[in-house]
Structures are given as structure tokens and as C-alpha cells.
Amino acid sequence: MNSSDKSLAAYGEALENRKLIFANDLYAEYEITLNQTTYTIAYGNGGDGKWQLLRF
């Protein structure tokens, strides 16, 4: 497994353990911890039922 594979695996594991901070019908924000650093991730829904990553 190369370093980029390890990074993706760590990111995937962090997403599995995400914590919901806030959500409504069009916006959701989660907190993840990756390499002992906490990040927030925001997703938006344009009203069509499809969620898209807004920021990490």
C-alpha cells in the first residue's frame, strides 16, 4: 500500500466515525478527526436530493 492509499484509507476511516454537528434540509456539517486533528466538513443539497461536498 503506497502513501496515497494509506491517506485515503485514513480519510475513509475518519468519515466512518464522523460526528454530526448540524443539519437541516439543505445543509449538513460534520466533524472528523484525522491524525489527531479535528476538521469540519460541510455538505449542501440544492433541493434535488443530491448532497455535494461544499468544503473540507
C-alpha atoms as a PDB file:
ATOM      1  CA  MET A   1       0.000   0.000   0.000  1.00  0.00           C
ATOM      2  CA  ASN A   2       1.554   3.311  -1.039  1.00  0.00           C
ATOM      3  CA  SER A   3       1.281   6.559   0.947  1.00  0.00           C
ATOM      4  CA  SER A   4      -1.678   7.929  -1.037  1.00  0.00           C
ATOM      5  CA  ASP A   5      -3.572   4.656  -0.441  1.00  0.00           C
ATOM      6  CA  LYS A   6      -2.841   4.966   3.280  1.00  0.00           C
ATOM      7  CA  SER A   7      -4.058   8.571   3.275  1.00  0.00           C
ATOM      8  CA  LEU A   8      -7.307   7.620   1.530  1.00  0.00           C
ATOM      9  CA  ALA A   9      -7.830   4.728   3.928  1.00  0.00           C
ATOM     10  CA  ALA A  10      -7.312   7.029   6.929  1.00  0.00           C
ATOM     11  CA  TYR A  11      -9.723   9.588   5.452  1.00  0.00           C
ATOM     12  CA  GLY A  12     -12.323   6.868   4.860  1.00  0.00           C
ATOM     13  CA  GLU A  13     -11.976   5.649   8.429  1.00  0.00           C
ATOM     14  CA  ALA A  14     -12.374   9.210   9.730  1.00  0.00           C
ATOM     15  CA  LEU A  15     -15.565   9.605   7.671  1.00  0.00           C
ATOM     16  CA  GLU A  16     -16.974   6.388   9.132  1.00  0.00           C
ATOM     17  CA  ASN A  17     -16.564   7.910  12.601  1.00  0.00           C
ATOM     18  CA  ARG A  18     -17.870  11.381  11.718  1.00  0.00           C
ATOM     19  CA  LYS A  19     -19.960  13.335  14.199  1.00  0.00           C
ATOM     20  CA  LEU A  20     -22.990  15.313  13.036  1.00  0.00           C
ATOM     21  CA  ILE A  21     -22.723  18.929  14.223  1.00  0.00           C
ATOM     22  CA  PHE A  22     -25.708  20.493  12.459  1.00  0.00           C
ATOM     23  CA  ALA A  23     -28.204  19.567   9.755  1.00  0.00           C
ATOM     24  CA  ASN A  24     -31.318  20.850   8.073  1.00  0.00           C
ATOM     25  CA  ASP A  25     -32.998  20.048   4.743  1.00  0.00           C
ATOM     26  CA  LEU A  26     -30.291  21.721   2.629  1.00  0.00           C
ATOM     27  CA  TYR A  27     -27.116  21.795   4.733  1.00  0.00           C
ATOM     28  CA  ALA A  28     -25.198  19.362   6.948  1.00  0.00           C
ATOM     29  CA  GLU A  29     -21.956  19.830   8.827  1.00  0.00           C
ATOM     30  CA  TYR A  30     -19.865  17.034  10.305  1.00  0.00           C
ATOM     31  CA  GLU A  31     -16.731  16.890  12.421  1.00  0.00           C
ATOM     32  CA  ILE A  32     -13.996  14.335  11.750  1.00  0.00           C
ATOM     33  CA  THR A  33     -10.664  13.632  13.386  1.00  0.00           C
ATOM     34  CA  LEU A  34      -7.744  12.745  11.159  1.00  0.00           C
ATOM     35  CA  ASN A  35      -4.217  12.284  12.511  1.00  0.00           C
ATOM     36  CA  GLN A  36      -5.284  13.826  15.834  1.00  0.00           C
ATOM     37  CA  THR A  37      -6.541  16.991  14.096  1.00  0.00           C
ATOM     38  CA  THR A  38     -10.224  17.917  14.012  1.00  0.00           C
ATOM     39  CA  TYR A  39     -11.812  19.166  10.779  1.00  0.00           C
ATOM     40  CA  THR A  40     -15.320  20.143   9.754  1.00  0.00           C
ATOM     41  CA  ILE A  41     -16.906  19.015   6.513  1.00  0.00           C
ATOM     42  CA  ALA A  42     -19.971  20.689   5.013  1.00  0.00           C
ATOM     43  CA  TYR A  43     -22.415  19.198   2.524  1.00  0.00           C
ATOM     44  CA  GLY A  44     -25.162  21.015   0.652  1.00  0.00           C
ATOM     45  CA  ASN A  45     -28.329  19.874  -1.039  1.00  0.00           C
ATOM     46  CA  GLY A  46     -29.511  22.013  -3.958  1.00  0.00           C
ATOM     47  CA  GLY A  47     -33.092  20.855  -3.427  1.00  0.00           C
ATOM     48  CA  ASP A  48     -32.779  17.910  -5.814  1.00  0.00           C
ATOM     49  CA  GLY A  49     -31.988  15.345  -3.100  1.00  0.00           C
ATOM     50  CA  LYS A  50     -28.318  15.091  -4.114  1.00  0.00           C
ATOM     51  CA  TRP A  51     -25.777  16.029  -1.461  1.00  0.00           C
ATOM     52  CA  GLN A  52     -22.479  17.592  -2.546  1.00  0.00           C
ATOM     53  CA  LEU A  53     -19.334  18.400  -0.645  1.00  0.00           C
ATOM     54  CA  LEU A  54     -19.127  22.165  -0.097  1.00  0.00           C
ATOM     55  CA  ARG A  55     -15.953  22.414   1.952  1.00  0.00           C
ATOM     56  CA  PHE A  56     -13.446  20.380   3.887  1.00  0.00           C
END
